[in-house]
Amino acid sequence: MKTLTSFFNRVVQRYLPDALLFAIILTFLVYLLGVFFTDNSPVDMVTHWGLGFWDLLEFTMQMTLVVVTGYILANTPVIKRFLAKVSTFARTPVHAVMLVTIVSLIACLINYGFGLVIGALFAIHVAKHVPSVDYRILIASAYSGFLIWHGGFSGSIPLTIATPGHFLEESMGVIPVTKTLFSPTNLFIVIALLIALPLFNRYLLKNAESQLEDRTKWVIPNEEAAAVEHVTPMTPAEKLENSRTISLIIGIMGIAFIVYHFVVNGFNLNINIVNFIFLFLGILLHQTPKRFLDTVANGVKNASGIIIQFPFYAGIMGMMIHSGLSEQIALWFVSVSTEQTLPYLSFLSAGLINTFVPSGGGQWAVQGPIMIQAAMELGADPAKTAMGVAWGDAWTNMIQPFWALPILAIAGLHIRDIMGFCVMILIFSFIPISIGFLLF
């Protein structure tokens, strides 16, 4: 274990570039694959790339707000005290890693955006309470909770096929979450990861501790809340900026809409409502517009990597989809599938495609029609096949910087700092996921 962990750490530290360069290299790779393995010309591939480059603008803004609003809420005095209090349950590095993993898993089970932010912010508080812990493994543990998201309450594929009018309804019908999220396969994988992943990360820490040469190298962000200024406002503008009444009124309006949303839609915790909740709780708990805006200015700095890098992934997705590369990969796996093996091979193919198309919804739009048509022709379970795609998407997120960017931005680390550990988590998680699809 020590040898393997050390090997992956050395490899990624030496050869893995910055996350932006990783996206650029991935762009070159997909471009060449499209030219040599499809009927697309070099000009066609450039066209697919350029036309797809801005397709994730809405999602880029959503993920930017995940980081910024999460930072805003976490830096309110009441939330800082709460996270600091919970972090005291960790008394040793082993406790720290296990506690962060458990909190991240539960949070991502509820909602992926919520989990990404809470996991990173909680890890920072735990690191301050247990400064002897390997900060890299702590953040990797926070990110490892993201493994579970597509089997949880915000999983885009199971929720999509449970919604009347979804684009594959004619071929597979509407499949309730009782057959996907609450199926024996999914329940086994989720429960297995909830139990085993904290233990594995503990084991990872014990086998990697000797590899950490200089603990002072890892600078833990000093997330201080906006300072309370006691200067008496003089001008009308200053009085407005320091008005508790304004924050209270707009905050109450936000809370009223949140209540309305859940009354009308039930427990629909999508990324927009999560950002909305974080934003307006932040406004209320910061108490004045000035303190709120001071925190916003600091939070925006954390989102720069997302703003720049996500368009490159949109371009990659454009080449993968419009060149037919993703379809070719899916069709190859279908060609070697049987009624019994199709769900599992859907998982493997989705894991491969996800390294190039790291979007659950976008991946389902491409791969879903192929897999569901194959399921109908082979007599395979369409619900289990869909969950195969979902878990494949979640699984290789461990080695895809796309989703790690929010956590890395908050934690103040680079992708190479945690990727060696994430590779180990990827290898380990393959076991319970495979068991779930092959035996349940």
Protein backbone atom coordinates (compact mmCIF):
# COMPACT_ATOMS: atom_id res chain seq x y z
CA MET A 1 0.00 0.00 0.00
CA LYS A 2 2.79 2.42 0.90
CA THR A 3 4.63 1.59 -2.30
CA LEU A 4 1.54 2.05 -4.48
CA THR A 5 0.51 5.30 -2.79
CA SER A 6 4.04 6.64 -3.02
CA PHE A 7 4.24 5.65 -6.69
CA PHE A 8 1.06 7.51 -7.68
CA ASN A 9 2.09 10.55 -5.66
CA ARG A 10 5.48 10.69 -7.36
CA VAL A 11 3.94 10.26 -10.80
CA VAL A 12 1.34 13.02 -10.42
CA GLN A 13 3.76 15.40 -8.70
CA ARG A 14 6.25 14.96 -11.52
CA TYR A 15 4.03 14.66 -14.59
CA LEU A 16 0.56 16.04 -13.86
CA PRO A 17 0.37 19.68 -14.98
CA ASP A 18 -1.82 22.45 -13.63
CA ALA A 19 -5.56 21.83 -14.07
CA LEU A 20 -5.80 24.32 -16.96
CA LEU A 21 -2.92 22.66 -18.81
CA PHE A 22 -4.54 19.28 -18.14
CA ALA A 23 -7.69 20.52 -19.89
CA ILE A 24 -5.63 21.83 -22.82
CA ILE A 25 -3.76 18.51 -23.18
CA LEU A 26 -7.09 16.68 -23.03
CA THR A 27 -8.29 19.01 -25.80
CA PHE A 28 -5.36 17.99 -28.01
CA LEU A 29 -5.96 14.30 -27.28
CA VAL A 30 -9.66 14.39 -28.17
CA TYR A 31 -8.89 16.42 -31.30
CA LEU A 32 -6.41 13.78 -32.51
CA LEU A 33 -8.76 10.91 -31.65
CA GLY A 34 -11.50 12.58 -33.64
CA VAL A 35 -9.27 13.11 -36.66
CA PHE A 36 -7.85 9.56 -36.72
CA PHE A 37 -10.80 7.46 -35.53
CA THR A 38 -13.83 9.22 -37.03
CA ASP A 39 -14.77 10.63 -40.43
CA ASN A 40 -14.19 14.18 -39.21
CA SER A 41 -11.50 16.30 -40.84
CA PRO A 42 -9.11 18.51 -38.83
CA VAL A 43 -11.28 21.50 -39.76
CA ASP A 44 -14.41 19.67 -38.60
CA MET A 45 -12.86 18.96 -35.19
CA VAL A 46 -11.83 22.58 -34.74
CA THR A 47 -15.38 23.61 -35.66
CA HIS A 48 -16.89 21.19 -33.10
CA TRP A 49 -14.50 22.54 -30.48
CA GLY A 50 -15.22 26.20 -31.16
CA LEU A 51 -18.99 25.79 -31.40
CA GLY A 52 -19.11 23.87 -28.13
CA PHE A 53 -16.73 26.17 -26.25
CA TRP A 54 -19.47 28.31 -24.68
CA ASP A 55 -22.09 25.61 -24.12
CA LEU A 56 -21.43 25.45 -20.37
CA LEU A 57 -21.77 29.15 -19.60
CA GLU A 58 -24.88 28.64 -17.44
CA PHE A 59 -23.28 25.74 -15.61
CA THR A 60 -20.04 27.70 -15.20
CA MET A 61 -21.97 30.46 -13.48
CA GLN A 62 -23.77 27.93 -11.28
CA MET A 63 -20.50 26.35 -10.13
CA THR A 64 -18.92 29.77 -9.63
CA LEU A 65 -21.80 30.64 -7.34
CA VAL A 66 -21.41 27.29 -5.55
CA VAL A 67 -17.91 28.40 -4.52
CA VAL A 68 -18.76 32.05 -3.82
CA THR A 69 -22.03 31.52 -1.93
CA GLY A 70 -20.53 28.61 0.00
CA TYR A 71 -17.63 30.86 1.01
CA ILE A 72 -20.05 33.63 2.00
CA LEU A 73 -22.15 31.35 4.20
CA ALA A 74 -19.18 29.58 5.77
CA ASN A 75 -17.66 32.92 6.79
CA THR A 76 -20.66 34.07 8.77
CA PRO A 77 -19.89 34.01 12.50
CA VAL A 78 -22.61 31.48 13.37
CA ILE A 79 -21.57 28.95 10.70
CA LYS A 80 -17.88 29.34 11.54
CA ARG A 81 -18.67 28.59 15.19
CA PHE A 82 -20.76 25.56 14.20
CA LEU A 83 -18.11 24.08 11.88
CA ALA A 84 -15.40 24.77 14.42
CA LYS A 85 -17.48 23.04 17.12
CA VAL A 86 -18.07 19.92 15.00
CA SER A 87 -14.39 19.81 14.04
CA THR A 88 -13.48 19.32 17.71
CA PHE A 89 -14.73 15.73 17.44
CA ALA A 90 -11.50 15.06 15.52
CA ARG A 91 -8.69 14.67 18.03
CA THR A 92 -6.11 12.86 15.89
CA PRO A 93 -5.21 12.83 12.18
CA VAL A 94 -7.04 9.51 11.80
CA HIS A 95 -10.18 10.98 13.38
CA ALA A 96 -9.84 14.03 11.13
CA VAL A 97 -9.72 12.08 7.88
CA MET A 98 -12.59 9.76 8.85
CA LEU A 99 -14.80 12.61 10.09
CA VAL A 100 -14.26 14.71 6.96
CA THR A 101 -15.01 11.70 4.75
CA ILE A 102 -18.26 10.93 6.60
CA VAL A 103 -19.47 14.55 6.53
CA SER A 104 -18.63 14.85 2.81
CA LEU A 105 -20.37 11.56 1.95
CA ILE A 106 -23.55 12.53 3.78
CA ALA A 107 -23.55 16.04 2.32
CA CYS A 108 -23.02 14.77 -1.25
CA LEU A 109 -25.73 12.16 -0.72
CA ILE A 110 -28.10 15.06 -0.03
CA ASN A 111 -26.88 17.30 -2.85
CA TYR A 112 -23.67 17.36 -4.88
CA GLY A 113 -23.19 21.14 -4.88
CA PHE A 114 -23.85 21.31 -1.16
CA GLY A 115 -21.44 18.45 -0.57
CA LEU A 116 -18.59 19.91 -2.62
CA VAL A 117 -18.64 23.15 -0.64
CA ILE A 118 -19.34 21.79 2.82
CA GLY A 119 -16.72 19.06 2.47
CA ALA A 120 -13.97 21.53 1.63
CA LEU A 121 -14.96 24.14 4.21
CA PHE A 122 -15.30 21.56 6.96
CA ALA A 123 -11.92 20.08 6.05
CA ILE A 124 -10.30 23.49 6.56
CA HIS A 125 -11.78 23.78 10.05
CA VAL A 126 -10.67 20.25 10.92
CA ALA A 127 -7.16 20.99 9.63
CA LYS A 128 -6.95 23.99 11.94
CA HIS A 129 -8.07 21.88 14.89
CA VAL A 130 -5.70 18.99 14.02
CA PRO A 131 -2.71 20.74 12.40
CA SER A 132 -0.64 17.54 12.34
CA VAL A 133 -2.94 15.92 9.73
CA ASP A 134 -1.75 15.59 6.13
CA TYR A 135 -3.75 18.42 4.59
CA ARG A 136 -3.59 16.88 1.11
CA ILE A 137 -5.26 13.64 2.23
CA LEU A 138 -7.82 15.61 4.20
CA ILE A 139 -8.89 17.49 1.08
CA ALA A 140 -8.79 14.30 -0.99
CA SER A 141 -11.08 12.76 1.63
CA ALA A 142 -13.45 15.70 1.31
CA TYR A 143 -13.51 15.19 -2.46
CA SER A 144 -13.97 11.42 -2.13
CA GLY A 145 -17.49 11.99 -0.81
CA PHE A 146 -18.39 13.12 -4.32
CA LEU A 147 -18.23 9.46 -5.37
CA ILE A 148 -21.69 8.96 -3.95
CA TRP A 149 -23.53 11.87 -5.53
CA HIS A 150 -25.12 10.10 -8.50
CA GLY A 151 -26.58 7.48 -6.18
CA GLY A 152 -28.07 10.18 -3.96
CA PHE A 153 -30.95 12.63 -3.96
CA SER A 154 -29.43 14.98 -6.56
CA GLY A 155 -28.43 12.29 -9.07
CA SER A 156 -29.28 13.79 -12.45
CA ILE A 157 -29.88 10.53 -14.34
CA PRO A 158 -32.27 8.80 -11.88
CA LEU A 159 -34.15 12.07 -11.33
CA THR A 160 -34.37 12.72 -15.08
CA ILE A 161 -35.89 9.33 -15.96
CA ALA A 162 -38.32 9.68 -13.04
CA THR A 163 -39.68 12.92 -14.53
CA PRO A 164 -42.66 12.66 -16.92
CA GLY A 165 -41.79 13.98 -20.38
CA HIS A 166 -38.07 13.13 -20.28
CA PHE A 167 -36.53 12.62 -23.72
CA LEU A 168 -36.37 8.80 -23.48
CA GLU A 169 -39.88 8.32 -22.12
CA GLU A 170 -41.17 6.70 -25.32
CA SER A 171 -38.54 3.95 -25.21
CA MET A 172 -38.21 3.28 -21.47
CA GLY A 173 -41.18 4.99 -19.87
CA VAL A 174 -41.02 6.87 -16.56
CA ILE A 175 -38.96 4.94 -14.01
CA PRO A 176 -39.59 5.87 -10.36
CA VAL A 177 -36.69 6.32 -7.95
CA THR A 178 -37.81 3.15 -6.13
CA LYS A 179 -36.27 1.23 -9.06
CA THR A 180 -33.10 3.32 -9.28
CA LEU A 181 -32.04 5.16 -6.10
CA PHE A 182 -33.77 2.63 -3.84
CA SER A 183 -32.90 -0.47 -5.84
CA PRO A 184 -30.84 -3.23 -4.16
CA THR A 185 -27.88 -2.42 -6.43
CA ASN A 186 -27.78 1.27 -5.54
CA LEU A 187 -28.49 0.75 -1.83
CA PHE A 188 -25.66 -1.78 -1.57
CA ILE A 189 -23.14 0.54 -3.27
CA VAL A 190 -24.18 3.59 -1.23
CA ILE A 191 -24.11 1.75 2.10
CA ALA A 192 -20.84 0.02 1.24
CA LEU A 193 -19.14 3.33 0.42
CA LEU A 194 -20.58 5.02 3.52
CA ILE A 195 -18.98 2.32 5.65
CA ALA A 196 -15.84 1.43 3.73
CA LEU A 197 -14.60 4.75 2.33
CA PRO A 198 -13.86 6.41 5.71
CA LEU A 199 -11.96 3.26 6.69
CA PHE A 200 -10.05 3.22 3.41
CA ASN A 201 -9.09 6.89 3.73
CA ARG A 202 -7.91 6.14 7.27
CA TYR A 203 -5.78 3.33 5.89
CA LEU A 204 -4.55 5.63 3.13
CA LEU A 205 -3.46 8.19 5.72
CA LYS A 206 -1.59 5.61 7.78
CA ASN A 207 0.26 4.33 4.73
CA ALA A 208 1.03 7.79 3.34
CA GLU A 209 2.05 9.67 6.48
CA SER A 210 5.70 8.78 6.10
CA GLN A 211 5.69 10.33 2.62
CA LEU A 212 4.93 13.83 3.91
CA GLU A 213 8.28 15.54 4.26
CA ASP A 214 7.31 19.09 5.11
CA ARG A 215 3.93 19.75 6.74
CA THR A 216 4.53 23.49 6.75
CA LYS A 217 4.43 23.45 2.95
CA TRP A 218 0.64 23.12 2.93
CA VAL A 219 -0.83 26.50 3.77
CA ILE A 220 -4.33 26.20 5.19
CA PRO A 221 -6.50 29.14 4.06
CA ASN A 222 -7.23 31.63 6.82
CA GLU A 223 -10.94 32.04 6.20
CA GLU A 224 -11.72 35.00 8.41
CA ALA A 225 -15.19 36.48 8.48
CA ALA A 226 -15.64 40.09 7.47
CA ALA A 227 -14.58 42.27 10.35
CA VAL A 228 -17.22 44.14 12.30
CA GLU A 229 -16.53 47.83 12.00
CA HIS A 230 -17.62 50.08 14.83
CA VAL A 231 -17.31 53.33 12.93
CA THR A 232 -20.50 55.34 13.16
CA PRO A 233 -22.00 55.80 9.64
CA MET A 234 -22.07 59.45 8.68
CA THR A 235 -23.40 59.81 5.14
CA PRO A 236 -26.72 58.41 3.82
CA ALA A 237 -24.76 55.97 1.63
CA GLU A 238 -22.78 54.69 4.63
CA LYS A 239 -25.96 54.27 6.63
CA LEU A 240 -27.46 52.16 3.85
CA GLU A 241 -24.31 50.04 3.59
CA ASN A 242 -24.42 49.34 7.33
CA SER A 243 -28.19 48.93 7.58
CA ARG A 244 -29.36 45.71 9.25
CA THR A 245 -32.88 46.49 8.10
CA ILE A 246 -32.02 46.21 4.39
CA SER A 247 -30.32 42.86 4.89
CA LEU A 248 -33.22 41.66 6.99
CA ILE A 249 -35.89 42.62 4.44
CA ILE A 250 -34.15 41.12 1.40
CA GLY A 251 -33.16 38.08 3.46
CA ILE A 252 -36.78 37.49 4.50
CA MET A 253 -37.85 37.76 0.85
CA GLY A 254 -35.30 35.09 -0.03
CA ILE A 255 -36.43 32.79 2.79
CA ALA A 256 -40.05 33.25 1.70
CA PHE A 257 -39.22 32.05 -1.81
CA ILE A 258 -37.27 29.08 -0.43
CA VAL A 259 -40.32 28.01 1.57
CA TYR A 260 -42.51 28.48 -1.52
CA HIS A 261 -40.11 26.37 -3.61
CA PHE A 262 -40.26 23.40 -1.27
CA VAL A 263 -44.01 23.65 -0.75
CA VAL A 264 -44.62 23.59 -4.51
CA ASN A 265 -41.82 21.22 -5.60
CA GLY A 266 -41.26 18.99 -2.59
CA PHE A 267 -37.67 18.12 -1.64
CA ASN A 268 -36.21 19.26 -4.97
CA LEU A 269 -32.74 20.35 -3.92
CA ASN A 270 -31.25 21.35 -7.28
CA ILE A 271 -28.10 23.42 -7.69
CA ASN A 272 -30.00 26.69 -8.19
CA ILE A 273 -31.98 26.41 -4.99
CA VAL A 274 -28.84 25.39 -3.07
CA ASN A 275 -27.08 28.54 -4.30
CA PHE A 276 -30.20 30.56 -3.48
CA ILE A 277 -30.29 29.18 0.07
CA PHE A 278 -26.58 29.81 0.62
CA LEU A 279 -26.83 33.34 -0.78
CA PHE A 280 -29.77 34.56 1.30
CA LEU A 281 -28.70 32.84 4.50
CA GLY A 282 -25.36 34.58 3.96
CA ILE A 283 -27.09 37.94 3.61
CA LEU A 284 -29.08 37.40 6.80
CA LEU A 285 -26.22 36.03 8.89
CA HIS A 286 -23.74 38.73 7.83
CA GLN A 287 -26.35 41.22 9.05
CA THR A 288 -25.25 44.25 7.04
CA PRO A 289 -24.68 44.77 3.28
CA LYS A 290 -21.13 46.02 3.90
CA ARG A 291 -19.99 42.90 5.77
CA PHE A 292 -21.68 40.74 3.15
CA LEU A 293 -20.02 42.54 0.22
CA ASP A 294 -16.60 42.46 1.88
CA THR A 295 -16.90 38.67 2.09
CA VAL A 296 -18.11 38.43 -1.51
CA ALA A 297 -14.96 40.22 -2.70
CA ASN A 298 -12.80 37.60 -0.99
CA GLY A 299 -14.94 34.69 -2.19
CA VAL A 300 -14.79 35.64 -5.86
CA LYS A 301 -11.01 35.13 -5.84
CA ASN A 302 -11.57 31.40 -5.27
CA ALA A 303 -13.61 30.96 -8.45
CA SER A 304 -11.06 32.08 -11.05
CA GLY A 305 -10.05 28.55 -12.07
CA ILE A 306 -13.65 27.53 -12.73
CA ILE A 307 -14.38 30.60 -14.85
CA ILE A 308 -11.39 29.99 -17.13
CA GLN A 309 -11.29 26.19 -17.31
CA PHE A 310 -14.91 25.15 -17.75
CA PRO A 311 -15.16 26.54 -21.32
CA PHE A 312 -12.27 24.26 -22.31
CA TYR A 313 -14.22 21.27 -21.05
CA ALA A 314 -17.25 22.50 -22.97
CA GLY A 315 -15.08 22.51 -26.10
CA ILE A 316 -13.91 18.96 -25.35
CA MET A 317 -17.51 17.85 -24.89
CA GLY A 318 -18.40 19.50 -28.20
CA MET A 319 -15.72 17.48 -30.01
CA MET A 320 -16.65 14.23 -28.25
CA ILE A 321 -20.37 14.54 -28.99
CA HIS A 322 -20.45 16.07 -32.47
CA SER A 323 -17.60 13.99 -33.86
CA GLY A 324 -19.33 10.80 -32.73
CA LEU A 325 -16.42 9.67 -30.52
CA SER A 326 -18.58 9.21 -27.43
CA GLU A 327 -21.16 7.31 -29.48
CA GLN A 328 -18.45 4.99 -30.87
CA ILE A 329 -17.20 4.18 -27.37
CA ALA A 330 -20.71 3.41 -26.13
CA LEU A 331 -21.53 1.27 -29.20
CA TRP A 332 -18.36 -0.80 -28.74
CA PHE A 333 -19.34 -1.69 -25.18
CA VAL A 334 -22.87 -2.52 -26.35
CA SER A 335 -21.49 -4.83 -29.02
CA VAL A 336 -19.89 -7.09 -26.40
CA SER A 337 -22.81 -6.94 -23.92
CA THR A 338 -25.43 -9.49 -22.94
CA GLU A 339 -28.67 -9.15 -20.97
CA GLN A 340 -26.76 -9.79 -17.73
CA THR A 341 -23.62 -7.76 -18.45
CA LEU A 342 -25.08 -4.63 -20.08
CA PRO A 343 -25.63 -2.66 -16.82
CA TYR A 344 -22.07 -3.37 -15.67
CA LEU A 345 -20.55 -2.58 -19.07
CA SER A 346 -22.65 0.60 -19.09
CA PHE A 347 -20.84 1.52 -15.88
CA LEU A 348 -17.41 0.87 -17.43
CA SER A 349 -18.19 2.74 -20.66
CA ALA A 350 -19.62 5.68 -18.74
CA GLY A 351 -16.48 5.81 -16.63
CA LEU A 352 -14.36 6.07 -19.76
CA ILE A 353 -16.58 8.64 -21.48
CA ASN A 354 -16.78 10.72 -18.28
CA THR A 355 -13.06 11.45 -18.45
CA PHE A 356 -13.85 13.48 -21.58
CA VAL A 357 -17.49 14.50 -20.94
CA PRO A 358 -17.59 15.24 -17.19
CA SER A 359 -21.28 16.12 -17.01
CA GLY A 360 -23.94 13.70 -15.84
CA GLY A 361 -26.73 15.33 -17.83
CA GLY A 362 -24.61 15.82 -20.94
CA GLN A 363 -23.30 12.27 -20.78
CA TRP A 364 -26.82 10.83 -20.42
CA ALA A 365 -27.98 12.81 -23.45
CA VAL A 366 -25.28 11.10 -25.53
CA GLN A 367 -25.01 7.66 -23.97
CA GLY A 368 -28.55 7.19 -22.68
CA PRO A 369 -30.31 6.55 -26.02
CA ILE A 370 -27.69 3.97 -27.04
CA MET A 371 -27.73 2.08 -23.74
CA ILE A 372 -31.49 2.09 -23.34
CA GLN A 373 -32.05 0.90 -26.91
CA ALA A 374 -29.57 -1.91 -26.24
CA ALA A 375 -31.33 -2.75 -22.97
CA MET A 376 -34.66 -3.08 -24.80
CA GLU A 377 -33.17 -5.25 -27.52
CA LEU A 378 -31.25 -7.50 -25.11
CA GLY A 379 -33.99 -7.65 -22.48
CA ALA A 380 -31.79 -6.02 -19.83
CA ASP A 381 -33.17 -3.96 -16.96
CA PRO A 382 -33.35 -0.32 -18.21
CA ALA A 383 -33.35 1.09 -14.67
CA LYS A 384 -30.17 -0.82 -13.72
CA THR A 385 -28.60 0.11 -17.05
CA ALA A 386 -29.32 3.79 -16.39
CA MET A 387 -27.76 3.50 -12.94
CA GLY A 388 -24.73 1.89 -14.58
CA VAL A 389 -24.23 5.08 -16.56
CA ALA A 390 -24.81 7.14 -13.41
CA TRP A 391 -22.21 5.30 -11.35
CA GLY A 392 -19.69 5.33 -14.20
CA ASP A 393 -20.07 9.10 -14.33
CA ALA A 394 -19.53 9.37 -10.57
CA TRP A 395 -16.65 6.90 -10.40
CA THR A 396 -14.08 8.52 -12.71
CA ASN A 397 -14.79 11.96 -11.28
CA MET A 398 -12.05 10.96 -8.84
CA ILE A 399 -9.45 11.49 -11.59
CA GLN A 400 -11.23 14.27 -13.47
CA PRO A 401 -10.13 17.80 -12.34
CA PHE A 402 -13.39 19.30 -13.66
CA TRP A 403 -15.32 18.60 -10.46
CA ALA A 404 -12.36 18.98 -8.13
CA LEU A 405 -11.91 22.64 -9.05
CA PRO A 406 -14.42 24.05 -6.51
CA ILE A 407 -12.85 22.11 -3.63
CA LEU A 408 -9.30 22.96 -4.72
CA ALA A 409 -10.22 26.63 -5.04
CA ILE A 410 -11.59 26.71 -1.50
CA ALA A 411 -8.73 24.64 -0.07
CA GLY A 412 -5.95 26.56 -1.81
CA LEU A 413 -4.35 23.46 -3.37
CA HIS A 414 -3.41 22.33 -6.88
CA ILE A 415 -4.79 19.23 -8.56
CA ARG A 416 -1.43 17.44 -8.32
CA ASP A 417 -1.55 17.77 -4.52
CA ILE A 418 -4.49 15.38 -4.18
CA MET A 419 -4.58 13.39 -7.43
CA GLY A 420 -2.26 10.60 -6.26
CA PHE A 421 -4.61 9.85 -3.39
CA CYS A 422 -7.66 10.18 -5.63
CA VAL A 423 -6.22 7.49 -7.94
CA MET A 424 -6.05 5.14 -4.94
CA ILE A 425 -9.66 6.00 -4.04
CA LEU A 426 -10.69 5.33 -7.65
CA ILE A 427 -9.08 1.88 -7.56
CA PHE A 428 -10.64 1.00 -4.20
CA SER A 429 -14.15 2.21 -5.06
CA PHE A 430 -14.17 0.03 -8.16
CA ILE A 431 -14.61 -2.99 -5.86
CA PRO A 432 -17.93 -2.15 -4.11
CA ILE A 433 -19.41 -0.64 -7.27
CA SER A 434 -18.55 -3.75 -9.27
CA ILE A 435 -19.95 -6.04 -6.59
CA GLY A 436 -23.17 -4.03 -6.57
CA PHE A 437 -23.73 -4.44 -10.32
CA LEU A 438 -22.56 -8.03 -10.62
CA LEU A 439 -24.26 -9.54 -7.57
CA PHE A 440 -27.37 -7.41 -6.90
